[in-house]
Amino acid sequence: ITASIITQLLRVVIPHFETLHKEG
């Protein structure tokens, strides 16, 4: 649960994570 929340919050900080989120 903690890892999932951290990964979700890192989308705001790390652009690469946001890019991965939009790749399907």
PDB file of all heavy atoms in Angstrom:
ATOM      1  N   ILE A   1       0.840  -1.206   0.000  1.00  0.00           N
ATOM      2  CA  ILE A   1       0.000   0.000   0.000  1.00  0.00           C
ATOM      3  C   ILE A   1       0.871   1.250   0.000  1.00  0.00           C
ATOM      4  O   ILE A   1       0.638   2.194  -0.778  1.00  0.00           O
ATOM      5  CB  ILE A   1      -0.929  -0.008   1.233  1.00  0.00           C
ATOM      6  CG1 ILE A   1      -1.892  -1.189   1.169  1.00  0.00           C
ATOM      7  CG2 ILE A   1      -1.704   1.295   1.325  1.00  0.00           C
ATOM      8  CD1 ILE A   1      -2.741  -1.328   2.419  1.00  0.00           C
ATOM      9  N   THR A   2       1.888   1.267   0.867  1.00  0.00           N
ATOM     10  CA  THR A   2       2.783   2.424   0.937  1.00  0.00           C
ATOM     11  C   THR A   2       3.517   2.631  -0.373  1.00  0.00           C
ATOM     12  O   THR A   2       3.641   3.765  -0.860  1.00  0.00           O
ATOM     13  CB  THR A   2       3.795   2.225   2.079  1.00  0.00           C
ATOM     14  OG1 THR A   2       3.111   1.888   3.281  1.00  0.00           O
ATOM     15  CG2 THR A   2       4.602   3.491   2.306  1.00  0.00           C
ATOM     16  N   ALA A   3       4.004   1.537  -0.982  1.00  0.00           N
ATOM     17  CA  ALA A   3       4.719   1.641  -2.255  1.00  0.00           C
ATOM     18  C   ALA A   3       3.807   2.162  -3.354  1.00  0.00           C
ATOM     19  O   ALA A   3       4.225   2.983  -4.188  1.00  0.00           O
ATOM     20  CB  ALA A   3       5.300   0.285  -2.640  1.00  0.00           C
ATOM     21  N   SER A   4       2.551   1.709  -3.374  1.00  0.00           N
ATOM     22  CA  SER A   4       1.603   2.181  -4.390  1.00  0.00           C
ATOM     23  C   SER A   4       1.330   3.675  -4.239  1.00  0.00           C
ATOM     24  O   SER A   4       1.276   4.415  -5.235  1.00  0.00           O
ATOM     25  CB  SER A   4       0.294   1.390  -4.298  1.00  0.00           C
ATOM     26  OG  SER A   4       0.511   0.019  -4.478  1.00  0.00           O
ATOM     27  N   ILE A   5       1.171   4.130  -2.984  1.00  0.00           N
ATOM     28  CA  ILE A   5       0.919   5.550  -2.744  1.00  0.00           C
ATOM     29  C   ILE A   5       2.126   6.384  -3.155  1.00  0.00           C
ATOM     30  O   ILE A   5       1.993   7.433  -3.806  1.00  0.00           O
ATOM     31  CB  ILE A   5       0.566   5.780  -1.263  1.00  0.00           C
ATOM     32  CG1 ILE A   5      -0.750   5.107  -0.914  1.00  0.00           C
ATOM     33  CG2 ILE A   5       0.481   7.276  -0.961  1.00  0.00           C
ATOM     34  CD1 ILE A   5      -1.081   5.136   0.563  1.00  0.00           C
ATOM     35  N   ILE A   6       3.334   5.917  -2.800  1.00  0.00           N
ATOM     36  CA  ILE A   6       4.551   6.649  -3.157  1.00  0.00           C
ATOM     37  C   ILE A   6       4.708   6.730  -4.674  1.00  0.00           C
ATOM     38  O   ILE A   6       5.031   7.790  -5.226  1.00  0.00           O
ATOM     39  CB  ILE A   6       5.790   5.977  -2.520  1.00  0.00           C
ATOM     40  CG1 ILE A   6       5.760   6.150  -0.998  1.00  0.00           C
ATOM     41  CG2 ILE A   6       7.081   6.570  -3.076  1.00  0.00           C
ATOM     42  CD1 ILE A   6       6.863   5.407  -0.275  1.00  0.00           C
ATOM     43  N   THR A   7       4.476   5.620  -5.366  1.00  0.00           N
ATOM     44  CA  THR A   7       4.583   5.615  -6.835  1.00  0.00           C
ATOM     45  C   THR A   7       3.584   6.584  -7.457  1.00  0.00           C
ATOM     46  O   THR A   7       3.904   7.283  -8.421  1.00  0.00           O
ATOM     47  CB  THR A   7       4.342   4.194  -7.374  1.00  0.00           C
ATOM     48  OG1 THR A   7       5.250   3.289  -6.739  1.00  0.00           O
ATOM     49  CG2 THR A   7       4.576   4.142  -8.872  1.00  0.00           C
ATOM     50  N   GLN A   8       2.381   6.630  -6.884  1.00  0.00           N
ATOM     51  CA  GLN A   8       1.363   7.532  -7.411  1.00  0.00           C
ATOM     52  C   GLN A   8       1.742   8.994  -7.168  1.00  0.00           C
ATOM     53  O   GLN A   8       1.565   9.851  -8.042  1.00  0.00           O
ATOM     54  CB  GLN A   8       0.023   7.213  -6.763  1.00  0.00           C
ATOM     55  CG  GLN A   8      -1.173   7.771  -7.514  1.00  0.00           C
ATOM     56  CD  GLN A   8      -2.471   7.175  -7.017  1.00  0.00           C
ATOM     57  OE1 GLN A   8      -2.529   6.620  -5.928  1.00  0.00           O
ATOM     58  NE2 GLN A   8      -3.527   7.304  -7.787  1.00  0.00           N
ATOM     59  N   LEU A   9       2.289   9.279  -5.985  1.00  0.00           N
ATOM     60  CA  LEU A   9       2.683  10.657  -5.682  1.00  0.00           C
ATOM     61  C   LEU A   9       3.905  11.086  -6.487  1.00  0.00           C
ATOM     62  O   LEU A   9       4.052  12.278  -6.814  1.00  0.00           O
ATOM     63  CB  LEU A   9       2.974  10.807  -4.187  1.00  0.00           C
ATOM     64  CG  LEU A   9       1.789  10.628  -3.234  1.00  0.00           C
ATOM     65  CD1 LEU A   9       2.237  10.746  -1.792  1.00  0.00           C
ATOM     66  CD2 LEU A   9       0.699  11.651  -3.538  1.00  0.00           C
ATOM     67  N   LEU A  10       4.788  10.143  -6.830  1.00  0.00           N
ATOM     68  CA  LEU A  10       5.987  10.483  -7.592  1.00  0.00           C
ATOM     69  C   LEU A  10       5.668  10.897  -9.024  1.00  0.00           C
ATOM     70  O   LEU A  10       6.521  11.490  -9.690  1.00  0.00           O
ATOM     71  CB  LEU A  10       6.958   9.296  -7.610  1.00  0.00           C
ATOM     72  CG  LEU A  10       7.738   9.033  -6.313  1.00  0.00           C
ATOM     73  CD1 LEU A  10       8.624   7.810  -6.457  1.00  0.00           C
ATOM     74  CD2 LEU A  10       8.573  10.244  -5.927  1.00  0.00           C
ATOM     75  N   ARG A  11       4.464  10.601  -9.496  1.00  0.00           N
ATOM     76  CA  ARG A  11       4.070  11.059 -10.836  1.00  0.00           C
ATOM     77  C   ARG A  11       4.081  12.574 -10.922  1.00  0.00           C
ATOM     78  O   ARG A  11       4.322  13.134 -12.001  1.00  0.00           O
ATOM     79  CB  ARG A  11       2.680  10.536 -11.173  1.00  0.00           C
ATOM     80  CG  ARG A  11       2.643   9.056 -11.548  1.00  0.00           C
ATOM     81  CD  ARG A  11       1.221   8.542 -11.617  1.00  0.00           C
ATOM     82  NE  ARG A  11       0.319   9.520 -12.201  1.00  0.00           N
ATOM     83  CZ  ARG A  11      -0.997   9.479 -12.073  1.00  0.00           C
ATOM     84  NH1 ARG A  11      -1.552   8.533 -11.327  1.00  0.00           N
ATOM     85  NH2 ARG A  11      -1.754  10.381 -12.650  1.00  0.00           N
ATOM     86  N   VAL A  12       3.827  13.242  -9.786  1.00  0.00           N
ATOM     87  CA  VAL A  12       3.821  14.710  -9.783  1.00  0.00           C
ATOM     88  C   VAL A  12       5.244  15.251  -9.786  1.00  0.00           C
ATOM     89  O   VAL A  12       5.505  16.328 -10.338  1.00  0.00           O
ATOM     90  CB  VAL A  12       3.054  15.216  -8.539  1.00  0.00           C
ATOM     91  CG1 VAL A  12       2.937  16.734  -8.557  1.00  0.00           C
ATOM     92  CG2 VAL A  12       1.678  14.590  -8.475  1.00  0.00           C
ATOM     93  N   VAL A  13       6.180  14.499  -9.204  1.00  0.00           N
ATOM     94  CA  VAL A  13       7.555  14.978  -9.028  1.00  0.00           C
ATOM     95  C   VAL A  13       8.463  14.538 -10.176  1.00  0.00           C
ATOM     96  O   VAL A  13       9.273  15.322 -10.669  1.00  0.00           O
ATOM     97  CB  VAL A  13       8.116  14.469  -7.676  1.00  0.00           C
ATOM     98  CG1 VAL A  13       9.526  15.000  -7.448  1.00  0.00           C
ATOM     99  CG2 VAL A  13       7.201  14.870  -6.528  1.00  0.00           C
ATOM    100  N   ILE A  14       8.321  13.284 -10.613  1.00  0.00           N
ATOM    101  CA  ILE A  14       9.198  12.723 -11.636  1.00  0.00           C
ATOM    102  C   ILE A  14       8.440  12.660 -12.968  1.00  0.00           C
ATOM    103  O   ILE A  14       7.463  11.913 -13.096  1.00  0.00           O
ATOM    104  CB  ILE A  14       9.689  11.318 -11.231  1.00  0.00           C
ATOM    105  CG1 ILE A  14      10.405  11.382  -9.878  1.00  0.00           C
ATOM    106  CG2 ILE A  14      10.613  10.731 -12.283  1.00  0.00           C
ATOM    107  CD1 ILE A  14      10.855  10.038  -9.347  1.00  0.00           C
ATOM    108  N   PRO A  15       8.857  13.419 -13.980  1.00  0.00           N
ATOM    109  CA  PRO A  15       8.143  13.416 -15.277  1.00  0.00           C
ATOM    110  C   PRO A  15       8.127  12.036 -15.945  1.00  0.00           C
ATOM    111  O   PRO A  15       7.171  11.705 -16.653  1.00  0.00           O
ATOM    112  CB  PRO A  15       8.934  14.430 -16.115  1.00  0.00           C
ATOM    113  CG  PRO A  15       9.640  15.300 -15.123  1.00  0.00           C
ATOM    114  CD  PRO A  15       9.937  14.420 -13.966  1.00  0.00           C
ATOM    115  N   HIS A  16       9.176  11.234 -15.718  1.00  0.00           N
ATOM    116  CA  HIS A  16       9.229   9.911 -16.349  1.00  0.00           C
ATOM    117  C   HIS A  16       8.064   9.030 -15.877  1.00  0.00           C
ATOM    118  O   HIS A  16       7.487   8.275 -16.672  1.00  0.00           O
ATOM    119  CB  HIS A  16      10.568   9.243 -16.019  1.00  0.00           C
ATOM    120  CG  HIS A  16      10.690   7.847 -16.555  1.00  0.00           C
ATOM    121  ND1 HIS A  16      10.679   7.565 -17.910  1.00  0.00           N
ATOM    122  CD2 HIS A  16      10.816   6.640 -15.916  1.00  0.00           C
ATOM    123  CE1 HIS A  16      10.797   6.249 -18.093  1.00  0.00           C
ATOM    124  NE2 HIS A  16      10.878   5.674 -16.899  1.00  0.00           N
ATOM    125  N   PHE A  17       7.709   9.142 -14.607  1.00  0.00           N
ATOM    126  CA  PHE A  17       6.594   8.357 -14.088  1.00  0.00           C
ATOM    127  C   PHE A  17       5.270   8.800 -14.720  1.00  0.00           C
ATOM    128  O   PHE A  17       4.409   7.960 -15.013  1.00  0.00           O
ATOM    129  CB  PHE A  17       6.519   8.495 -12.560  1.00  0.00           C
ATOM    130  CG  PHE A  17       7.467   7.592 -11.820  1.00  0.00           C
ATOM    131  CD1 PHE A  17       8.742   7.349 -12.316  1.00  0.00           C
ATOM    132  CD2 PHE A  17       7.099   6.985 -10.643  1.00  0.00           C
ATOM    133  CE1 PHE A  17       9.623   6.522 -11.647  1.00  0.00           C
ATOM    134  CE2 PHE A  17       7.965   6.145  -9.960  1.00  0.00           C
ATOM    135  CZ  PHE A  17       9.239   5.918 -10.467  1.00  0.00           C
ATOM    136  N   GLU A  18       5.113  10.107 -14.916  1.00  0.00           N
ATOM    137  CA  GLU A  18       3.897  10.608 -15.563  1.00  0.00           C
ATOM    138  C   GLU A  18       3.832  10.152 -17.015  1.00  0.00           C
ATOM    139  O   GLU A  18       2.752   9.807 -17.530  1.00  0.00           O
ATOM    140  CB  GLU A  18       3.867  12.133 -15.471  1.00  0.00           C
ATOM    141  CG  GLU A  18       2.609  12.772 -16.041  1.00  0.00           C
ATOM    142  CD  GLU A  18       1.367  12.412 -15.244  1.00  0.00           C
ATOM    143  OE1 GLU A  18       1.483  12.098 -14.045  1.00  0.00           O
ATOM    144  OE2 GLU A  18       0.274  12.454 -15.843  1.00  0.00           O
ATOM    145  N   THR A  19       4.988  10.117 -17.677  1.00  0.00           N
ATOM    146  CA  THR A  19       5.027   9.630 -19.057  1.00  0.00           C
ATOM    147  C   THR A  19       4.630   8.164 -19.127  1.00  0.00           C
ATOM    148  O   THR A  19       3.864   7.749 -20.013  1.00  0.00           O
ATOM    149  CB  THR A  19       6.441   9.811 -19.639  1.00  0.00           C
ATOM    150  OG1 THR A  19       6.812  11.192 -19.537  1.00  0.00           O
ATOM    151  CG2 THR A  19       6.478   9.392 -21.102  1.00  0.00           C
ATOM    152  N   LEU A  20       5.145   7.362 -18.202  1.00  0.00           N
ATOM    153  CA  LEU A  20       4.778   5.945 -18.165  1.00  0.00           C
ATOM    154  C   LEU A  20       3.282   5.769 -17.910  1.00  0.00           C
ATOM    155  O   LEU A  20       2.645   4.872 -18.487  1.00  0.00           O
ATOM    156  CB  LEU A  20       5.577   5.218 -17.083  1.00  0.00           C
ATOM    157  CG  LEU A  20       7.071   5.000 -17.340  1.00  0.00           C
ATOM    158  CD1 LEU A  20       7.736   4.372 -16.122  1.00  0.00           C
ATOM    159  CD2 LEU A  20       7.281   4.108 -18.558  1.00  0.00           C
ATOM    160  N   HIS A  21       2.723   6.620 -17.064  1.00  0.00           N
ATOM    161  CA  HIS A  21       1.296   6.529 -16.759  1.00  0.00           C
ATOM    162  C   HIS A  21       0.440   6.782 -17.998  1.00  0.00           C
ATOM    163  O   HIS A  21      -0.637   6.185 -18.147  1.00  0.00           O
ATOM    164  CB  HIS A  21       0.946   7.531 -15.654  1.00  0.00           C
ATOM    165  CG  HIS A  21      -0.511   7.566 -15.304  1.00  0.00           C
ATOM    166  ND1 HIS A  21      -1.138   6.536 -14.639  1.00  0.00           N
ATOM    167  CD2 HIS A  21      -1.475   8.506 -15.542  1.00  0.00           C
ATOM    168  CE1 HIS A  21      -2.421   6.827 -14.475  1.00  0.00           C
ATOM    169  NE2 HIS A  21      -2.643   8.012 -15.007  1.00  0.00           N
ATOM    170  N   LYS A  22       0.909   7.636 -18.889  1.00  0.00           N
ATOM    171  CA  LYS A  22       0.143   7.977 -20.088  1.00  0.00           C
ATOM    172  C   LYS A  22       0.393   7.016 -21.248  1.00  0.00           C
ATOM    173  O   LYS A  22      -0.256   7.142 -22.291  1.00  0.00           O
ATOM    174  CB  LYS A  22       0.490   9.401 -20.534  1.00  0.00           C
ATOM    175  CG  LYS A  22       0.062  10.474 -19.541  1.00  0.00           C
ATOM    176  CD  LYS A  22       0.457  11.851 -20.023  1.00  0.00           C
ATOM    177  CE  LYS A  22       0.030  12.931 -19.037  1.00  0.00           C
ATOM    178  NZ  LYS A  22       0.431  14.289 -19.488  1.00  0.00           N
ATOM    179  N   GLU A  23       1.329   6.076 -21.102  1.00  0.00           N
ATOM    180  CA  GLU A  23       1.665   5.170 -22.198  1.00  0.00           C
ATOM    181  C   GLU A  23       0.735   3.972 -22.308  1.00  0.00           C
ATOM    182  O   GLU A  23       0.944   3.119 -23.155  1.00  0.00           O
ATOM    183  CB  GLU A  23       3.108   4.674 -22.035  1.00  0.00           C
ATOM    184  CG  GLU A  23       4.153   5.706 -22.415  1.00  0.00           C
ATOM    185  CD  GLU A  23       5.562   5.160 -22.284  1.00  0.00           C
ATOM    186  OE1 GLU A  23       5.702   3.978 -21.878  1.00  0.00           O
ATOM    187  OE2 GLU A  23       6.516   5.899 -22.579  1.00  0.00           O
ATOM    188  N   GLY A  24      -0.241   3.876 -21.447  1.00  0.00           N
ATOM    189  CA  GLY A  24      -1.175   2.765 -21.534  1.00  0.00           C
ATOM    190  C   GLY A  24      -0.695   1.537 -20.787  1.00  0.00           C
ATOM    191  O   GLY A  24      -0.061   1.622 -19.733  1.00  0.00           O
TER     192      GLY A  24
END
